């Protein structure tokens, strides 16, 4: 009877270790996936900022190029580009 109890106890301990190993593997896989998602979000944020800056510059350029004086537009464009480079 004691031997059967010891075998059952050992089997339960083995099962717990196996379950812990499986859970650890699942946790590591989820952590890796989460890191990938965070990286993708960061890249998309950078792209969105660049796109917004580009759109702002484009609007500014179009607005200045439609001014009556080409010299004024060119001067304003140079100013906008200079300001963007400072930022």
PDB file of N, CA and C in Angstrom:
ATOM      1  N   UNK A   1       0.813  -1.187   0.000  1.00  0.00           N
ATOM      2  CA  UNK A   1       0.000   0.000   0.000  1.00  0.00           C
ATOM      3  C   UNK A   1       0.869   1.268   0.000  1.00  0.00           C
ATOM      4  N   UNK A   2       1.930   1.245   0.819  1.00  0.00           N
ATOM      5  CA  UNK A   2       2.805   2.412   0.877  1.00  0.00           C
ATOM      6  C   UNK A   2       3.508   2.634  -0.463  1.00  0.00           C
ATOM      7  N   UNK A   3       3.873   1.549  -1.131  1.00  0.00           N
ATOM      8  CA  UNK A   3       4.547   1.669  -2.419  1.00  0.00           C
ATOM      9  C   UNK A   3       3.609   2.274  -3.453  1.00  0.00           C
ATOM     10  N   UNK A   4       2.360   1.866  -3.433  1.00  0.00           N
ATOM     11  CA  UNK A   4       1.389   2.425  -4.366  1.00  0.00           C
ATOM     12  C   UNK A   4       1.172   3.915  -4.078  1.00  0.00           C
ATOM     13  N   UNK A   5       1.122   4.285  -2.821  1.00  0.00           N
ATOM     14  CA  UNK A   5       0.974   5.684  -2.439  1.00  0.00           C
ATOM     15  C   UNK A   5       2.190   6.489  -2.910  1.00  0.00           C
ATOM     16  N   UNK A   6       3.382   5.947  -2.742  1.00  0.00           N
ATOM     17  CA  UNK A   6       4.604   6.616  -3.174  1.00  0.00           C
ATOM     18  C   UNK A   6       4.621   6.782  -4.691  1.00  0.00           C
ATOM     19  N   UNK A   7       4.191   5.756  -5.425  1.00  0.00           N
ATOM     20  CA  UNK A   7       4.138   5.838  -6.886  1.00  0.00           C
ATOM     21  C   UNK A   7       3.138   6.906  -7.337  1.00  0.00           C
ATOM     22  N   UNK A   8       1.999   6.938  -6.686  1.00  0.00           N
ATOM     23  CA  UNK A   8       0.981   7.932  -7.030  1.00  0.00           C
ATOM     24  C   UNK A   8       1.489   9.340  -6.729  1.00  0.00           C
ATOM     25  N   UNK A   9       2.138   9.505  -5.580  1.00  0.00           N
ATOM     26  CA  UNK A   9       2.699  10.799  -5.213  1.00  0.00           C
ATOM     27  C   UNK A   9       3.753  11.229  -6.222  1.00  0.00           C
ATOM     28  N   UNK A  10       4.597  10.287  -6.645  1.00  0.00           N
ATOM     29  CA  UNK A  10       5.638  10.595  -7.635  1.00  0.00           C
ATOM     30  C   UNK A  10       5.011  10.972  -8.976  1.00  0.00           C
ATOM     31  N   UNK A  11       3.974  10.256  -9.375  1.00  0.00           N
ATOM     32  CA  UNK A  11       3.294  10.562 -10.636  1.00  0.00           C
ATOM     33  C   UNK A  11       2.674  11.955 -10.587  1.00  0.00           C
ATOM     34  N   UNK A  12       2.092  12.308  -9.452  1.00  0.00           N
ATOM     35  CA  UNK A  12       1.499  13.646  -9.314  1.00  0.00           C
ATOM     36  C   UNK A  12       2.578  14.728  -9.370  1.00  0.00           C
ATOM     37  N   UNK A  13       3.707  14.480  -8.728  1.00  0.00           N
ATOM     38  CA  UNK A  13       4.806  15.450  -8.763  1.00  0.00           C
ATOM     39  C   UNK A  13       5.331  15.617 -10.181  1.00  0.00           C
ATOM     40  N   UNK A  14       5.461  14.508 -10.905  1.00  0.00           N
ATOM     41  CA  UNK A  14       5.914  14.568 -12.301  1.00  0.00           C
ATOM     42  C   UNK A  14       4.924  15.354 -13.156  1.00  0.00           C
ATOM     43  N   UNK A  15       3.648  15.104 -12.944  1.00  0.00           N
ATOM     44  CA  UNK A  15       2.617  15.819 -13.708  1.00  0.00           C
ATOM     45  C   UNK A  15       2.670  17.315 -13.416  1.00  0.00           C
ATOM     46  N   UNK A  16       2.883  17.674 -12.149  1.00  0.00           N
ATOM     47  CA  UNK A  16       2.978  19.096 -11.788  1.00  0.00           C
ATOM     48  C   UNK A  16       4.186  19.753 -12.463  1.00  0.00           C
ATOM     49  N   UNK A  17       5.325  19.048 -12.481  1.00  0.00           N
ATOM     50  CA  UNK A  17       6.514  19.591 -13.138  1.00  0.00           C
ATOM     51  C   UNK A  17       6.267  19.767 -14.635  1.00  0.00           C
ATOM     52  N   UNK A  18       5.615  18.787 -15.233  1.00  0.00           N
ATOM     53  CA  UNK A  18       5.320  18.882 -16.668  1.00  0.00           C
ATOM     54  C   UNK A  18       4.370  20.052 -16.946  1.00  0.00           C
ATOM     55  N   UNK A  19       3.358  20.191 -16.113  1.00  0.00           N
ATOM     56  CA  UNK A  19       2.426  21.303 -16.272  1.00  0.00           C
ATOM     57  C   UNK A  19       3.136  22.641 -16.096  1.00  0.00           C
ATOM     58  N   UNK A  20       4.022  22.727 -15.117  1.00  0.00           N
ATOM     59  CA  UNK A  20       4.776  23.964 -14.887  1.00  0.00           C
ATOM     60  C   UNK A  20       5.653  24.284 -16.097  1.00  0.00           C
ATOM     61  N   UNK A  21       6.268  23.267 -16.676  1.00  0.00           N
ATOM     62  CA  UNK A  21       7.108  23.486 -17.857  1.00  0.00           C
ATOM     63  C   UNK A  21       6.271  23.972 -19.035  1.00  0.00           C
ATOM     64  N   UNK A  22       5.101  23.378 -19.215  1.00  0.00           N
ATOM     65  CA  UNK A  22       4.213  23.810 -20.302  1.00  0.00           C
ATOM     66  C   UNK A  22       3.751  25.250 -20.089  1.00  0.00           C
ATOM     67  N   UNK A  23       3.389  25.593 -18.864  1.00  0.00           N
ATOM     68  CA  UNK A  23       2.965  26.952 -18.559  1.00  0.00           C
ATOM     69  C   UNK A  23       4.098  27.951 -18.772  1.00  0.00           C
ATOM     70  N   UNK A  24       5.306  27.572 -18.384  1.00  0.00           N
ATOM     71  CA  UNK A  24       6.467  28.443 -18.575  1.00  0.00           C
ATOM     72  C   UNK A  24       6.697  28.679 -20.074  1.00  0.00           C
ATOM     73  N   UNK A  25       6.593  27.611 -20.864  1.00  0.00           N
ATOM     74  CA  UNK A  25       6.754  27.758 -22.314  1.00  0.00           C
ATOM     75  C   UNK A  25       5.690  28.649 -22.925  1.00  0.00           C
ATOM     76  N   UNK A  26       4.445  28.489 -22.461  1.00  0.00           N
ATOM     77  CA  UNK A  26       3.352  29.327 -22.964  1.00  0.00           C
ATOM     78  C   UNK A  26       3.588  30.783 -22.585  1.00  0.00           C
ATOM     79  N   UNK A  27       4.020  31.006 -21.366  1.00  0.00           N
ATOM     80  CA  UNK A  27       4.296  32.378 -20.906  1.00  0.00           C
ATOM     81  C   UNK A  27       5.412  33.016 -21.738  1.00  0.00           C
ATOM     82  N   UNK A  28       6.466  32.268 -22.003  1.00  0.00           N
ATOM     83  CA  UNK A  28       7.580  32.798 -22.804  1.00  0.00           C
ATOM     84  C   UNK A  28       7.125  33.123 -24.222  1.00  0.00           C
ATOM     85  N   UNK A  29       6.284  32.253 -24.788  1.00  0.00           N
ATOM     86  CA  UNK A  29       5.778  32.501 -26.143  1.00  0.00           C
ATOM     87  C   UNK A  29       4.915  33.758 -26.173  1.00  0.00           C
ATOM     88  N   UNK A  30       4.077  33.933 -25.158  1.00  0.00           N
ATOM     89  CA  UNK A  30       3.229  35.122 -25.107  1.00  0.00           C
ATOM     90  C   UNK A  30       4.060  36.387 -24.886  1.00  0.00           C
ATOM     91  N   UNK A  31       5.102  36.286 -24.088  1.00  0.00           N
ATOM     92  CA  UNK A  31       5.970  37.447 -23.857  1.00  0.00           C
ATOM     93  C   UNK A  31       6.670  37.846 -25.149  1.00  0.00           C
ATOM     94  N   UNK A  32       7.111  36.867 -25.919  1.00  0.00           N
ATOM     95  CA  UNK A  32       7.759  37.150 -27.203  1.00  0.00           C
ATOM     96  C   UNK A  32       6.778  37.797 -28.170  1.00  0.00           C
ATOM     97  N   UNK A  33       5.561  37.270 -28.207  1.00  0.00           N
ATOM     98  CA  UNK A  33       4.537  37.826 -29.089  1.00  0.00           C
ATOM     99  C   UNK A  33       4.205  39.264 -28.681  1.00  0.00           C
ATOM    100  N   UNK A  34       4.097  39.508 -27.382  1.00  0.00           N
ATOM    101  CA  UNK A  34       3.798  40.845 -26.894  1.00  0.00           C
ATOM    102  C   UNK A  34       4.908  41.826 -27.257  1.00  0.00           C
ATOM    103  N   UNK A  35       6.146  41.388 -27.153  1.00  0.00           N
ATOM    104  CA  UNK A  35       7.275  42.254 -27.525  1.00  0.00           C
ATOM    105  C   UNK A  35       7.198  42.607 -29.006  1.00  0.00           C
ATOM    106  N   UNK A  36       6.832  41.649 -29.840  1.00  0.00           N
ATOM    107  CA  UNK A  36       6.686  41.915 -31.269  1.00  0.00           C
ATOM    108  C   UNK A  36       5.576  42.915 -31.555  1.00  0.00           C
ATOM    109  N   UNK A  37       4.478  42.767 -30.847  1.00  0.00           N
ATOM    110  CA  UNK A  37       3.356  43.691 -31.031  1.00  0.00           C
ATOM    111  C   UNK A  37       3.753  45.102 -30.593  1.00  0.00           C
ATOM    112  N   UNK A  38       4.452  45.195 -29.461  1.00  0.00           N
ATOM    113  CA  UNK A  38       4.894  46.510 -28.995  1.00  0.00           C
ATOM    114  C   UNK A  38       5.844  47.159 -29.995  1.00  0.00           C
ATOM    115  N   UNK A  39       6.729  46.371 -30.576  1.00  0.00           N
ATOM    116  CA  UNK A  39       7.659  46.911 -31.572  1.00  0.00           C
ATOM    117  C   UNK A  39       6.902  47.411 -32.799  1.00  0.00           C
ATOM    118  N   UNK A  40       5.923  46.629 -33.242  1.00  0.00           N
ATOM    119  CA  UNK A  40       5.130  47.034 -34.407  1.00  0.00           C
ATOM    120  C   UNK A  40       4.362  48.325 -34.124  1.00  0.00           C
ATOM    121  N   UNK A  41       3.821  48.441 -32.917  1.00  0.00           N
ATOM    122  CA  UNK A  41       3.103  49.663 -32.549  1.00  0.00           C
ATOM    123  C   UNK A  41       4.049  50.861 -32.560  1.00  0.00           C
ATOM    124  N   UNK A  42       5.249  50.670 -32.021  1.00  0.00           N
ATOM    125  CA  UNK A  42       6.237  51.749 -32.023  1.00  0.00           C
ATOM    126  C   UNK A  42       6.590  52.197 -33.433  1.00  0.00           C
ATOM    127  N   UNK A  43       6.770  51.228 -34.327  1.00  0.00           N
ATOM    128  CA  UNK A  43       7.088  51.563 -35.718  1.00  0.00           C
ATOM    129  C   UNK A  43       5.948  52.318 -36.365  1.00  0.00           C
ATOM    130  N   UNK A  44       4.723  51.894 -36.096  1.00  0.00           N
ATOM    131  CA  UNK A  44       3.563  52.574 -36.688  1.00  0.00           C
ATOM    132  C   UNK A  44       3.405  53.988 -36.148  1.00  0.00           C
ATOM    133  N   UNK A  45       3.740  54.180 -34.872  1.00  0.00           N
ATOM    134  CA  UNK A  45       3.682  55.530 -34.312  1.00  0.00           C
ATOM    135  C   UNK A  45       4.680  56.441 -35.003  1.00  0.00           C
ATOM    136  N   UNK A  46       5.887  55.939 -35.221  1.00  0.00           N
ATOM    137  CA  UNK A  46       6.916  56.729 -35.904  1.00  0.00           C
ATOM    138  C   UNK A  46       6.458  57.061 -37.320  1.00  0.00           C
ATOM    139  N   UNK A  47       5.895  56.073 -38.010  1.00  0.00           N
ATOM    140  CA  UNK A  47       5.404  56.311 -39.368  1.00  0.00           C
ATOM    141  C   UNK A  47       4.292  57.355 -39.375  1.00  0.00           C
ATOM    142  N   UNK A  48       3.401  57.287 -38.400  1.00  0.00           N
ATOM    143  CA  UNK A  48       2.290  58.243 -38.333  1.00  0.00           C
ATOM    144  C   UNK A  48       2.798  59.658 -38.099  1.00  0.00           C
ATOM    145  N   UNK A  49       3.797  59.796 -37.240  1.00  0.00           N
ATOM    146  CA  UNK A  49       4.373  61.126 -36.986  1.00  0.00           C
ATOM    147  C   UNK A  49       5.021  61.661 -38.256  1.00  0.00           C
ATOM    148  N   UNK A  50       5.784  60.818 -38.938  1.00  0.00           N
ATOM    149  CA  UNK A  50       6.438  61.254 -40.177  1.00  0.00           C
ATOM    150  C   UNK A  50       5.411  61.624 -41.236  1.00  0.00           C
ATOM    151  N   UNK A  51       4.354  60.825 -41.325  1.00  0.00           N
ATOM    152  CA  UNK A  51       3.310  61.109 -42.307  1.00  0.00           C
ATOM    153  C   UNK A  51       2.635  62.437 -41.994  1.00  0.00           C
ATOM    154  N   UNK A  52       2.352  62.682 -40.728  1.00  0.00           N
ATOM    155  CA  UNK A  52       1.714  63.942 -40.333  1.00  0.00           C
ATOM    156  C   UNK A  52       2.622  65.128 -40.643  1.00  0.00           C
ATOM    157  N   UNK A  53       3.914  64.985 -40.355  1.00  0.00           N
ATOM    158  CA  UNK A  53       4.860  66.064 -40.665  1.00  0.00           C
ATOM    159  C   UNK A  53       4.911  66.316 -42.169  1.00  0.00           C
ATOM    160  N   UNK A  54       4.933  65.263 -42.935  1.00  0.00           N
ATOM    161  CA  UNK A  54       4.970  65.395 -44.385  1.00  0.00           C
ATOM    162  C   UNK A  54       3.713  66.085 -44.906  1.00  0.00           C
ATOM    163  N   UNK A  55       2.562  65.704 -44.349  1.00  0.00           N
ATOM    164  CA  UNK A  55       1.312  66.341 -44.763  1.00  0.00           C
ATOM    165  C   UNK A  55       1.309  67.821 -44.408  1.00  0.00           C
ATOM    166  N   UNK A  56       1.823  68.147 -43.226  1.00  0.00           N
ATOM    167  CA  UNK A  56       1.889  69.557 -42.822  1.00  0.00           C
ATOM    168  C   UNK A  56       2.772  70.362 -43.772  1.00  0.00           C
ATOM    169  N   UNK A  57       3.919  69.802 -44.105  1.00  0.00           N
ATOM    170  CA  UNK A  57       4.837  70.494 -45.019  1.00  0.00           C
ATOM    171  C   UNK A  57       4.188  70.641 -46.388  1.00  0.00           C
ATOM    172  N   UNK A  58       3.526  69.599 -46.843  1.00  0.00           N
ATOM    173  CA  UNK A  58       2.867  69.646 -48.152  1.00  0.00           C
ATOM    174  C   UNK A  58       1.799  70.737 -48.169  1.00  0.00           C
ATOM    175  N   UNK A  59       0.968  70.777 -47.121  1.00  0.00           N
ATOM    176  CA  UNK A  59      -0.063  71.824 -47.063  1.00  0.00           C
ATOM    177  C   UNK A  59       0.567  73.221 -47.061  1.00  0.00           C
ATOM    178  N   UNK A  60       1.627  73.350 -46.283  1.00  0.00           N
ATOM    179  CA  UNK A  60       2.316  74.639 -46.188  1.00  0.00           C
ATOM    180  C   UNK A  60       2.878  75.047 -47.553  1.00  0.00           C
ATOM    181  N   UNK A  61       3.508  74.096 -48.227  1.00  0.00           N
ATOM    182  CA  UNK A  61       4.099  74.380 -49.543  1.00  0.00           C
ATOM    183  C   UNK A  61       3.017  74.755 -50.540  1.00  0.00           C
ATOM    184  N   UNK A  62       1.952  73.974 -50.570  1.00  0.00           N
ATOM    185  CA  UNK A  62       0.860  74.272 -51.511  1.00  0.00           C
ATOM    186  C   UNK A  62       0.260  75.638 -51.208  1.00  0.00           C
ATOM    187  N   UNK A  63       0.077  75.923 -49.940  1.00  0.00           N
ATOM    188  CA  UNK A  63      -0.464  77.233 -49.556  1.00  0.00           C
ATOM    189  C   UNK A  63       0.433  78.370 -49.983  1.00  0.00           C
ATOM    190  N   UNK A  64       1.731  78.180 -49.838  1.00  0.00           N
ATOM    191  CA  UNK A  64       2.668  79.244 -50.192  1.00  0.00           C
ATOM    192  C   UNK A  64       2.854  79.368 -51.698  1.00  0.00           C
ATOM    193  N   UNK A  65       2.769  78.257 -52.398  1.00  0.00           N
ATOM    194  CA  UNK A  65       2.951  78.305 -53.850  1.00  0.00           C
ATOM    195  C   UNK A  65       1.752  78.936 -54.551  1.00  0.00           C
ATOM    196  N   UNK A  66       0.627  78.957 -53.890  1.00  0.00           N
ATOM    197  CA  UNK A  66      -0.553  79.575 -54.498  1.00  0.00           C
ATOM    198  C   UNK A  66      -0.647  81.063 -54.178  1.00  0.00           C
ATOM    199  N   UNK A  67       0.350  81.590 -53.474  1.00  0.00           N
ATOM    200  CA  UNK A  67       0.380  83.024 -53.205  1.00  0.00           C
ATOM    201  C   UNK A  67       0.656  83.773 -54.512  1.00  0.00           C
ATOM    202  N   UNK A  68       0.253  85.037 -54.564  1.00  0.00           N
ATOM    203  CA  UNK A  68       0.450  85.808 -55.784  1.00  0.00           C
ATOM    204  C   UNK A  68       1.925  85.982 -56.160  1.00  0.00           C
ATOM    205  N   UNK A  69       2.788  86.124 -55.212  1.00  0.00           N
ATOM    206  CA  UNK A  69       4.182  86.396 -55.508  1.00  0.00           C
ATOM    207  C   UNK A  69       5.013  85.126 -55.351  1.00  0.00           C
ATOM    208  N   UNK A  70       5.670  84.730 -56.409  1.00  0.00           N
ATOM    209  CA  UNK A  70       6.527  83.540 -56.367  1.00  0.00           C
ATOM    210  C   UNK A  70       7.713  83.764 -55.436  1.00  0.00           C
ATOM    211  N   UNK A  71       8.218  84.975 -55.376  1.00  0.00           N
ATOM    212  CA  UNK A  71       9.346  85.282 -54.494  1.00  0.00           C
ATOM    213  C   UNK A  71       8.936  85.134 -53.034  1.00  0.00           C
ATOM    214  N   UNK A  72       7.739  85.589 -52.697  1.00  0.00           N
ATOM    215  CA  UNK A  72       7.249  85.429 -51.335  1.00  0.00           C
ATOM    216  C   UNK A  72       7.062  83.944 -51.006  1.00  0.00           C
ATOM    217  N   UNK A  73       6.535  83.219 -51.959  1.00  0.00           N
ATOM    218  CA  UNK A  73       6.317  81.785 -51.741  1.00  0.00           C
ATOM    219  C   UNK A  73       7.639  81.064 -51.525  1.00  0.00           C
ATOM    220  N   UNK A  74       8.621  81.380 -52.309  1.00  0.00           N
ATOM    221  CA  UNK A  74       9.934  80.746 -52.172  1.00  0.00           C
ATOM    222  C   UNK A  74      10.562  81.094 -50.828  1.00  0.00           C
ATOM    223  N   UNK A  75      10.432  82.325 -50.407  1.00  0.00           N
ATOM    224  CA  UNK A  75      10.984  82.745 -49.123  1.00  0.00           C
ATOM    225  C   UNK A  75      10.269  82.022 -47.986  1.00  0.00           C
ATOM    226  N   UNK A  76       8.972  81.928 -48.068  1.00  0.00           N
ATOM    227  CA  UNK A  76       8.190  81.240 -47.025  1.00  0.00           C
ATOM    228  C   UNK A  76       8.525  79.754 -47.001  1.00  0.00           C
ATOM    229  N   UNK A  77       8.693  79.156 -48.164  1.00  0.00           N
ATOM    230  CA  UNK A  77       9.062  77.740 -48.245  1.00  0.00           C
ATOM    231  C   UNK A  77      10.411  77.499 -47.591  1.00  0.00           C
ATOM    232  N   UNK A  78      11.347  78.354 -47.848  1.00  0.00           N
ATOM    233  CA  UNK A  78      12.664  78.227 -47.225  1.00  0.00           C
ATOM    234  C   UNK A  78      12.545  78.348 -45.709  1.00  0.00           C
ATOM    235  N   UNK A  79      11.687  79.240 -45.258  1.00  0.00           N
ATOM    236  CA  UNK A  79      11.477  79.428 -43.823  1.00  0.00           C
ATOM    237  C   UNK A  79      10.845  78.183 -43.198  1.00  0.00           C
ATOM    238  N   UNK A  80       9.875  77.615 -43.864  1.00  0.00           N
ATOM    239  CA  UNK A  80       9.210  76.412 -43.362  1.00  0.00           C
ATOM    240  C   UNK A  80      10.201  75.252 -43.270  1.00  0.00           C
ATOM    241  N   UNK A  81      10.975  75.075 -44.290  1.00  0.00           N
ATOM    242  CA  UNK A  81      11.963  73.993 -44.296  1.00  0.00           C
ATOM    243  C   UNK A  81      12.994  74.206 -43.185  1.00  0.00           C
ATOM    244  N   UNK A  82      13.432  75.407 -43.007  1.00  0.00           N
ATOM    245  CA  UNK A  82      14.371  75.728 -41.932  1.00  0.00           C
ATOM    246  C   UNK A  82      13.767  75.419 -40.573  1.00  0.00           C
ATOM    247  N   UNK A  83      12.510  75.803 -40.371  1.00  0.00           N
ATOM    248  CA  UNK A  83      11.829  75.529 -39.096  1.00  0.00           C
ATOM    249  C   UNK A  83      11.658  74.029 -38.866  1.00  0.00           C
ATOM    250  N   UNK A  84      11.357  73.299 -39.902  1.00  0.00           N
ATOM    251  CA  UNK A  84      11.183  71.854 -39.764  1.00  0.00           C
ATOM    252  C   UNK A  84      12.506  71.170 -39.400  1.00  0.00           C
ATOM    253  N   UNK A  85      13.592  71.647 -39.954  1.00  0.00           N
ATOM    254  CA  UNK A  85      14.897  71.066 -39.648  1.00  0.00           C
ATOM    255  C   UNK A  85      15.324  71.349 -38.212  1.00  0.00           C
ATOM    256  N   UNK A  86      14.898  72.479 -37.695  1.00  0.00           N
ATOM    257  CA  UNK A  86      15.214  72.817 -36.299  1.00  0.00           C
ATOM    258  C   UNK A  86      14.498  71.885 -35.336  1.00  0.00           C
ATOM    259  N   UNK A  87      13.282  71.491 -35.687  1.00  0.00           N
ATOM    260  CA  UNK A  87      12.483  70.615 -34.815  1.00  0.00           C
ATOM    261  C   UNK A  87      13.036  69.241 -34.915  1.00  0.00           C
TER     262      UNK A  87
END
